[in-house]
Structure formats: C-alpha cells, structure tokens
C-alpha atoms as a PDB file:
ATOM      1  CA  MET A   1      19.740-101.020-234.810  1.00  0.00           C
ATOM      2  CA  GLN A   2      22.058 -98.246-236.135  1.00  0.00           C
ATOM      3  CA  ILE A   3      20.354 -94.813-236.730  1.00  0.00           C
ATOM      4  CA  PRO A   4      20.654 -93.933-240.335  1.00  0.00           C
ATOM      5  CA  HIS A   5      22.732 -91.004-241.386  1.00  0.00           C
ATOM      6  CA  PHE A   6      20.694 -88.320-243.428  1.00  0.00           C
ATOM      7  CA  VAL A   7      22.900 -86.252-245.692  1.00  0.00           C
ATOM      8  CA  GLU A   8      20.460 -83.393-245.707  1.00  0.00           C
ATOM      9  CA  ASN A   9      21.498 -82.515-242.225  1.00  0.00           C
ATOM     10  CA  ASN A  10      24.693 -81.002-244.062  1.00  0.00           C
ATOM     11  CA  HIS A  11      23.040 -79.286-246.997  1.00  0.00           C
ATOM     12  CA  PRO A  12      23.317 -75.330-246.453  1.00  0.00           C
ATOM     13  CA  LEU A  13      19.725 -74.745-247.053  1.00  0.00           C
ATOM     14  CA  VAL A  14      18.760 -76.685-244.106  1.00  0.00           C
ATOM     15  CA  LYS A  15      21.858 -75.705-241.920  1.00  0.00           C
ATOM     16  CA  SER A  16      20.595 -72.110-242.179  1.00  0.00           C
ATOM     17  CA  LEU A  17      17.472 -73.028-240.419  1.00  0.00           C
ATOM     18  CA  PHE A  18      19.100 -74.527-237.419  1.00  0.00           C
ATOM     19  CA  HIS A  19      18.788 -71.425-235.247  1.00  0.00           C
ATOM     20  CA  TYR A  20      15.176 -71.299-235.550  1.00  0.00           C
ATOM     21  CA  SER A  21      12.764 -72.549-232.631  1.00  0.00           C
ATOM     22  CA  ASP A  22      10.512 -75.567-233.067  1.00  0.00           C
ATOM     23  CA  SER A  23       7.454 -73.141-233.060  1.00  0.00           C
ATOM     24  CA  GLU A  24       9.107 -70.986-235.806  1.00  0.00           C
ATOM     25  CA  LEU A  25       9.704 -73.850-237.828  1.00  0.00           C
ATOM     26  CA  VAL A  26       6.456 -75.167-237.654  1.00  0.00           C
ATOM     27  CA  SER A  27       4.844 -71.744-238.364  1.00  0.00           C
ATOM     28  CA  LEU A  28       7.069 -71.349-241.445  1.00  0.00           C
ATOM     29  CA  PHE A  29       6.061 -74.893-242.698  1.00  0.00           C
ATOM     30  CA  GLN A  30       2.504 -73.904-242.238  1.00  0.00           C
ATOM     31  CA  ASN A  31       2.662 -70.573-243.797  1.00  0.00           C
ATOM     32  CA  TYR A  32       4.780 -71.521-246.879  1.00  0.00           C
ATOM     33  CA  PRO A  33       3.157 -75.050-247.865  1.00  0.00           C
ATOM     34  CA  ASP A  34       5.276 -74.639-251.353  1.00  0.00           C
ATOM     35  CA  GLU A  35       8.647 -74.868-249.614  1.00  0.00           C
ATOM     36  CA  GLY A  36       9.945 -77.987-248.326  1.00  0.00           C
ATOM     37  CA  LYS A  37      13.047 -76.729-246.360  1.00  0.00           C
ATOM     38  CA  TYR A  38      11.023 -76.288-242.959  1.00  0.00           C
ATOM     39  CA  PHE A  39       9.760 -79.763-242.700  1.00  0.00           C
ATOM     40  CA  THR A  40      13.302 -81.119-243.651  1.00  0.00           C
ATOM     41  CA  ALA A  41      14.741 -79.064-240.852  1.00  0.00           C
ATOM     42  CA  ILE A  42      12.223 -80.412-238.273  1.00  0.00           C
ATOM     43  CA  PHE A  43      12.879 -83.914-239.589  1.00  0.00           C
ATOM     44  CA  CYS A  44      16.716 -83.356-239.208  1.00  0.00           C
ATOM     45  CA  ARG A  45      16.303 -82.111-235.517  1.00  0.00           C
ATOM     46  CA  TYR A  46      14.082 -84.996-234.499  1.00  0.00           C
ATOM     47  CA  SER A  47      14.923 -87.876-236.701  1.00  0.00           C
ATOM     48  CA  SER A  48      17.411 -89.502-234.321  1.00  0.00           C
ATOM     49  CA  ILE A  49      14.706 -89.579-231.596  1.00  0.00           C
ATOM     50  CA  VAL A  50      12.033 -90.749-233.582  1.00  0.00           C
ATOM     51  CA  TYR A  51      14.045 -93.708-235.110  1.00  0.00           C
ATOM     52  CA  SER A  52      15.372 -94.630-231.630  1.00  0.00           C
ATOM     53  CA  LEU A  53      11.745 -94.992-230.333  1.00  0.00           C
ATOM     54  CA  ILE A  54      10.925 -97.190-233.591  1.00  0.00           C
ATOM     55  CA  SER A  55      13.973 -99.248-233.684  1.00  0.00           C
ATOM     56  CA  HIS A  56      13.135-100.856-230.149  1.00  0.00           C
ATOM     57  CA  LEU A  57      10.060-102.212-231.546  1.00  0.00           C
ATOM     58  CA  ALA A  58      10.801-103.221-235.131  1.00  0.00           C
ATOM     59  CA  ARG A  59      11.810-106.780-235.674  1.00  0.00           C
ATOM     60  CA  SER A  60      14.191-105.740-238.546  1.00  0.00           C
ATOM     61  CA  PRO A  61      16.064-102.717-240.332  1.00  0.00           C
ATOM     62  CA  VAL A  62      13.807-103.043-243.348  1.00  0.00           C
ATOM     63  CA  GLN A  63      10.499-102.751-241.056  1.00  0.00           C
ATOM     64  CA  ALA A  64      12.081-100.082-238.923  1.00  0.00           C
ATOM     65  CA  ASP A  65      12.842 -98.012-242.012  1.00  0.00           C
ATOM     66  CA  TYR A  66       9.483 -98.373-243.376  1.00  0.00           C
ATOM     67  CA  LEU A  67       7.701 -97.656-239.906  1.00  0.00           C
ATOM     68  CA  PHE A  68      10.108 -94.561-239.712  1.00  0.00           C
ATOM     69  CA  ALA A  69       8.773 -93.269-243.041  1.00  0.00           C
ATOM     70  CA  MET A  70       5.194 -93.965-242.246  1.00  0.00           C
ATOM     71  CA  THR A  71       5.650 -92.157-239.075  1.00  0.00           C
ATOM     72  CA  TRP A  72       7.207 -88.989-240.623  1.00  0.00           C
ATOM     73  CA  ARG A  73       4.459 -89.103-243.366  1.00  0.00           C
ATOM     74  CA  HIS A  74       1.905 -88.842-240.557  1.00  0.00           C
ATOM     75  CA  ILE A  75       3.859 -86.113-238.688  1.00  0.00           C
ATOM     76  CA  TYR A  76       3.667 -84.107-241.969  1.00  0.00           C
ATOM     77  CA  TYR A  77       0.119 -84.166-242.150  1.00  0.00           C
ATOM     78  CA  GLU A  78      -0.438 -83.451-238.543  1.00  0.00           C
ATOM     79  CA  LEU A  79       1.831 -80.681-238.415  1.00  0.00           C
ATOM     80  CA  GLY A  80      -0.261 -78.844-241.043  1.00  0.00           C
ATOM     81  CA  GLY A  81      -3.024 -78.612-238.643  1.00  0.00           C
ATOM     82  CA  LEU A  82      -1.049 -78.253-235.367  1.00  0.00           C
ATOM     83  CA  ASP A  83      -2.547 -75.233-233.588  1.00  0.00           C
ATOM     84  CA  LEU A  84       0.333 -72.950-232.502  1.00  0.00           C
ATOM     85  CA  ARG A  85      -2.035 -70.470-230.685  1.00  0.00           C
ATOM     86  CA  ASN A  86      -1.779 -72.360-227.543  1.00  0.00           C
ATOM     87  CA  ALA A  87       1.405 -70.827-225.745  1.00  0.00           C
ATOM     88  CA  GLU A  88       2.304 -74.005-224.138  1.00  0.00           C
ATOM     89  CA  ALA A  89       2.517 -75.845-227.380  1.00  0.00           C
ATOM     90  CA  LEU A  90       5.439 -73.119-228.516  1.00  0.00           C
ATOM     91  CA  GLY A  91       7.954 -74.714-225.852  1.00  0.00           C
ATOM     92  CA  ALA A  92      10.660 -76.994-227.461  1.00  0.00           C
ATOM     93  CA  SER A  93       9.946 -79.686-224.731  1.00  0.00           C
ATOM     94  CA  SER A  94       6.289 -79.486-225.384  1.00  0.00           C
ATOM     95  CA  PHE A  95       6.864 -79.911-228.964  1.00  0.00           C
ATOM     96  CA  GLN A  96       9.255 -82.673-228.354  1.00  0.00           C
ATOM     97  CA  ASN A  97       6.428 -84.292-226.301  1.00  0.00           C
ATOM     98  CA  TRP A  98       3.807 -83.856-229.163  1.00  0.00           C
ATOM     99  CA  LEU A  99       6.372 -85.602-231.688  1.00  0.00           C
ATOM    100  CA  ILE A 100       7.105 -88.374-229.110  1.00  0.00           C
ATOM    101  CA  ASN A 101       3.249 -88.922-228.689  1.00  0.00           C
ATOM    102  CA  THR A 102       2.642 -88.794-232.461  1.00  0.00           C
ATOM    103  CA  THR A 103       5.294 -91.468-233.019  1.00  0.00           C
ATOM    104  CA  ALA A 104       3.819 -93.672-230.136  1.00  0.00           C
ATOM    105  CA  ILE A 105       0.402 -93.378-231.934  1.00  0.00           C
ATOM    106  CA  CYS A 106       1.927 -94.531-235.268  1.00  0.00           C
ATOM    107  CA  ILE A 107       3.969 -97.364-233.599  1.00  0.00           C
ATOM    108  CA  ASN A 108       0.638 -98.749-232.032  1.00  0.00           C
ATOM    109  CA  GLN A 109      -1.516 -98.081-235.096  1.00  0.00           C
ATOM    110  CA  THR A 110       0.642 -99.197-237.981  1.00  0.00           C
ATOM    111  CA  GLU A 111       0.428-102.895-239.057  1.00  0.00           C
ATOM    112  CA  LEU A 112       3.873-103.754-240.320  1.00  0.00           C
ATOM    113  CA  PRO A 113       3.819-105.793-243.479  1.00  0.00           C
ATOM    114  CA  PRO A 114       6.331-108.810-244.064  1.00  0.00           C
ATOM    115  CA  VAL A 115       9.936-107.617-244.793  1.00  0.00           C
ATOM    116  CA  GLU A 116       9.430-109.271-248.230  1.00  0.00           C
ATOM    117  CA  SER A 117       6.692-107.140-249.287  1.00  0.00           C
ATOM    118  CA  ILE A 118       8.338-103.920-248.316  1.00  0.00           C
ATOM    119  CA  HIS A 119       9.640-101.955-251.189  1.00  0.00           C
ATOM    120  CA  TYR A 120      10.758 -98.712-249.454  1.00  0.00           C
ATOM    121  CA  ASP A 121      14.423 -97.703-249.653  1.00  0.00           C
ATOM    122  CA  ILE A 122      15.252 -95.058-247.064  1.00  0.00           C
ATOM    123  CA  LYS A 123      18.558 -94.308-248.870  1.00  0.00           C
ATOM    124  CA  ALA A 124      16.900 -93.721-252.048  1.00  0.00           C
ATOM    125  CA  ALA A 125      13.911 -91.726-250.678  1.00  0.00           C
ATOM    126  CA  PRO A 126      14.714 -90.020-247.137  1.00  0.00           C
ATOM    127  CA  PRO A 127      11.186 -89.466-245.373  1.00  0.00           C
ATOM    128  CA  PRO A 128      10.994 -85.745-246.392  1.00  0.00           C
ATOM    129  CA  LEU A 129      11.583 -86.565-250.017  1.00  0.00           C
ATOM    130  CA  TRP A 130       9.350 -89.383-249.996  1.00  0.00           C
ATOM    131  CA  CYS A 131       6.360 -87.299-248.353  1.00  0.00           C
ATOM    132  CA  TYR A 132       6.751 -84.771-251.078  1.00  0.00           C
ATOM    133  CA  THR A 133       7.171 -87.149-253.699  1.00  0.00           C
ATOM    134  CA  GLN A 134       3.836 -88.907-252.623  1.00  0.00           C
ATOM    135  CA  GLN A 135       2.179 -85.489-252.789  1.00  0.00           C
ATOM    136  CA  ALA A 136       3.434 -85.039-256.221  1.00  0.00           C
ATOM    137  CA  LEU A 137       2.411 -88.362-257.322  1.00  0.00           C
ATOM    138  CA  ASP A 138      -1.032 -87.757-256.202  1.00  0.00           C
ATOM    139  CA  ARG A 139      -1.074 -84.878-258.745  1.00  0.00           C
ATOM    140  CA  LEU A 140      -0.400 -87.207-261.737  1.00  0.00           C
ATOM    141  CA  THR A 141      -3.397 -88.867-263.563  1.00  0.00           C
ATOM    142  CA  PRO A 142      -4.132 -92.277-262.172  1.00  0.00           C
ATOM    143  CA  LEU A 143      -2.793 -94.080-265.188  1.00  0.00           C
ATOM    144  CA  MET A 144       0.355 -92.147-265.310  1.00  0.00           C
ATOM    145  CA  ARG A 145       0.741 -92.671-261.498  1.00  0.00           C
ATOM    146  CA  LEU A 146       0.123 -96.365-262.002  1.00  0.00           C
ATOM    147  CA  MET A 147       2.892 -96.647-264.482  1.00  0.00           C
ATOM    148  CA  VAL A 148       5.295 -94.863-262.583  1.00  0.00           C
ATOM    149  CA  VAL A 149       4.756 -96.860-259.593  1.00  0.00           C
ATOM    150  CA  MET A 150       5.089-100.130-261.562  1.00  0.00           C
ATOM    151  CA  VAL A 151       8.452 -99.073-262.845  1.00  0.00           C
ATOM    152  CA  GLN A 152       9.966 -97.359-259.639  1.00  0.00           C
ATOM    153  CA  THR A 153       8.578 -99.809-257.051  1.00  0.00           C
ATOM    154  CA  PHE A 154       8.117-103.209-258.837  1.00  0.00           C
ATOM    155  CA  HIS A 155      10.639-102.635-261.445  1.00  0.00           C
ATOM    156  CA  TRP A 156       8.391-103.771-264.371  1.00  0.00           C
ATOM    157  CA  SER A 157       9.526-103.206-267.868  1.00  0.00           C
ATOM    158  CA  GLU A 158       7.642-100.708-270.507  1.00  0.00           C
ATOM    159  CA  THR A 159       6.788-104.077-272.537  1.00  0.00           C
ATOM    160  CA  ARG A 160       5.388-105.751-269.385  1.00  0.00           C
ATOM    161  CA  ILE A 161       3.388-102.448-268.416  1.00  0.00           C
ATOM    162  CA  SER A 162       1.882-102.396-271.751  1.00  0.00           C
ATOM    163  CA  ALA A 163       0.765-106.094-271.830  1.00  0.00           C
ATOM    164  CA  PHE A 164      -0.994-105.463-268.426  1.00  0.00           C
ATOM    165  CA  LEU A 165      -2.727-102.390-269.446  1.00  0.00           C
ATOM    166  CA  GLN A 166      -3.909-104.104-272.624  1.00  0.00           C
ATOM    167  CA  THR A 167      -5.640-106.813-270.459  1.00  0.00           C
ATOM    168  CA  GLU A 168      -7.184-103.797-268.606  1.00  0.00           C
ATOM    169  CA  GLY A 169      -8.602-102.273-271.845  1.00  0.00           C
ATOM    170  CA  GLU A 170      -5.991 -99.491-272.085  1.00  0.00           C
ATOM    171  CA  LYS A 171      -4.271-100.201-275.613  1.00  0.00           C
ATOM    172  CA  LEU A 172      -0.925 -98.357-275.048  1.00  0.00           C
ATOM    173  CA  SER A 173       2.356 -99.749-277.319  1.00  0.00           C
ATOM    174  CA  THR A 174       5.624-100.097-275.507  1.00  0.00           C
ATOM    175  CA  ALA A 175       6.605 -96.878-277.359  1.00  0.00           C
ATOM    176  CA  GLU A 176       3.487 -95.000-275.781  1.00  0.00           C
ATOM    177  CA  VAL A 177       4.278 -96.394-272.311  1.00  0.00           C
ATOM    178  CA  LYS A 178       7.849 -95.145-272.492  1.00  0.00           C
ATOM    179  CA  THR A 179       6.459 -91.513-273.630  1.00  0.00           C
ATOM    180  CA  GLN A 180       4.025 -91.477-270.978  1.00  0.00           C
ATOM    181  CA  LEU A 181       6.541 -92.397-268.276  1.00  0.00           C
ATOM    182  CA  LEU A 182       9.010 -89.630-269.511  1.00  0.00           C
ATOM    183  CA  GLU A 183       6.168 -87.274-269.304  1.00  0.00           C
ATOM    184  CA  GLY A 184       5.120 -88.523-265.826  1.00  0.00           C
ATOM    185  CA  TYR A 185       8.871 -88.049-264.523  1.00  0.00           C
ATOM    186  CA  ARG A 186       8.880 -84.680-265.960  1.00  0.00           C
ATOM    187  CA  LEU A 187       5.583 -83.679-264.172  1.00  0.00           C
ATOM    188  CA  LEU A 188       6.673 -85.463-260.974  1.00  0.00           C
ATOM    189  CA  GLU A 189       9.884 -83.640-260.529  1.00  0.00           C
ATOM    190  CA  ALA A 190       8.217 -80.187-261.549  1.00  0.00           C
ATOM    191  CA  SER A 191       5.537 -80.735-258.859  1.00  0.00           C
ATOM    192  CA  LEU A 192       8.219 -81.232-256.047  1.00  0.00           C
ATOM    193  CA  PRO A 193       9.071 -77.698-254.244  1.00  0.00           C
ATOM    194  CA  GLN A 194      12.172 -76.239-255.641  1.00  0.00           C
ATOM    195  CA  ASP A 195      14.019 -76.453-252.411  1.00  0.00           C
ATOM    196  CA  ILE A 196      13.507 -80.219-252.152  1.00  0.00           C
ATOM    197  CA  ARG A 197      14.715 -80.651-255.661  1.00  0.00           C
ATOM    198  CA  GLU A 198      17.689 -78.665-254.515  1.00  0.00           C
ATOM    199  CA  ILE A 199      18.180 -80.706-251.193  1.00  0.00           C
ATOM    200  CA  TYR A 200      17.908 -84.088-252.657  1.00  0.00           C
ATOM    201  CA  LEU A 201      18.293 -84.144-256.565  1.00  0.00           C
ATOM    202  CA  ASP A 202      20.924 -83.374-258.989  1.00  0.00           C
ATOM    203  CA  THR A 203      20.482 -82.048-262.197  1.00  0.00           C
ATOM    204  CA  SER A 204      19.696 -85.581-263.690  1.00  0.00           C
ATOM    205  CA  GLY A 205      16.613 -85.726-261.102  1.00  0.00           C
ATOM    206  CA  VAL A 206      18.203 -88.615-259.440  1.00  0.00           C
ATOM    207  CA  PRO A 207      18.382 -88.725-255.779  1.00  0.00           C
ATOM    208  CA  ARG A 208      21.943 -87.934-254.414  1.00  0.00           C
END
C-alpha cells in the first residue's frame, strides 16, 4: 500500500519545528497542551514508519487508514504521560522504539471493523486534525455532538435528524436543528487549537 502524502509536512509552522529533537518535541507537547503543532511535528516525523508497519497487516487501504488514525490517537494520549525523566528515553532511537512498540500494541489490540462500516476519511481528517477534533467534540453537549456526528459521519439531513430526535423525546424542528448545528460547528472550531486551525483549516472552516 502506498504511504499517504500529508500536506502538513510543508506547512511553515510545522517545518519550523523540524530541528527539535524527539524529546524536545514531546516535552513541548506536554508543557503546551493548548498548542497542536508539536504533536503534528511528531506525526510528520514518524507517520511513514507507522503507516509502513500497519499497511503490512491491514487487508485494505480503508482499514489501513482507519487503524493508522486509531494508532495515532492512542499515541496522542500516551504521549501526555510519557516519562521523560529517564535519560534513556530521551534518545531518538529509544523514542522510535517506544513508538514502534506502541504501534505494535495497537495493531494487536485493535479489532478492525468491516470496510463498509468504516467512515473515516484520511484526506478529510489527517490524524492530528482528527485527534484534536475528537477532543473538541467531547466538549460539546451530548445532543449537539450527536447531531454533528449524524451530519458529518452519516450524512443525515436536518429533516431526518429532527424526525429521529422527536422519536427520542427531543422536540426540535428542522429549523432548530439547523441552528443547533451551526452553533455546534462554531463551538467545534473555536475549541480547536489556533495552530491546528492555521495548519489544517481555511477561513471557511473546511479542511484544506
């Protein structure tokens, strides 16, 4: 399988971090959780290695992309607690080994769903954007999050969402659903780190 090309590799914000060591990037990621460029730089540095490991085991490109995203989401959460006090963990080779081992764990523990039930699109949401978007979604109210997911993942119309919610006891008209969705998108984008918006989104809020 061909390794995807990620345009964030060429973004000035990311390129400006290429001279940092692995340990420096991890430390910056941990110390500045409201900035997404450090995780994005780590992703750019190691995305080809992780994808190569995954692509040998996935049966289709769709499953490979999905497992790749799930692996990077796991790496994202694990990095937050990675202990950098151990001097041995600061070496590039040691960090790379940690990353490979973490990828192997994800490969072994993730149960891949059938291709037809995977709705992830790596071009629309590369893993760093996906991780921070997932985090932003968690900050929405459950109802607003449900409506956003219905539209963005399952492509439901506002009318269909309104009808479904009414069966669940939520009496929202189609117009009210539209208003709630617009507010959800606004809050979602506002919850993304500023640098993630700069790297991945244009002024209309649509991924590049």
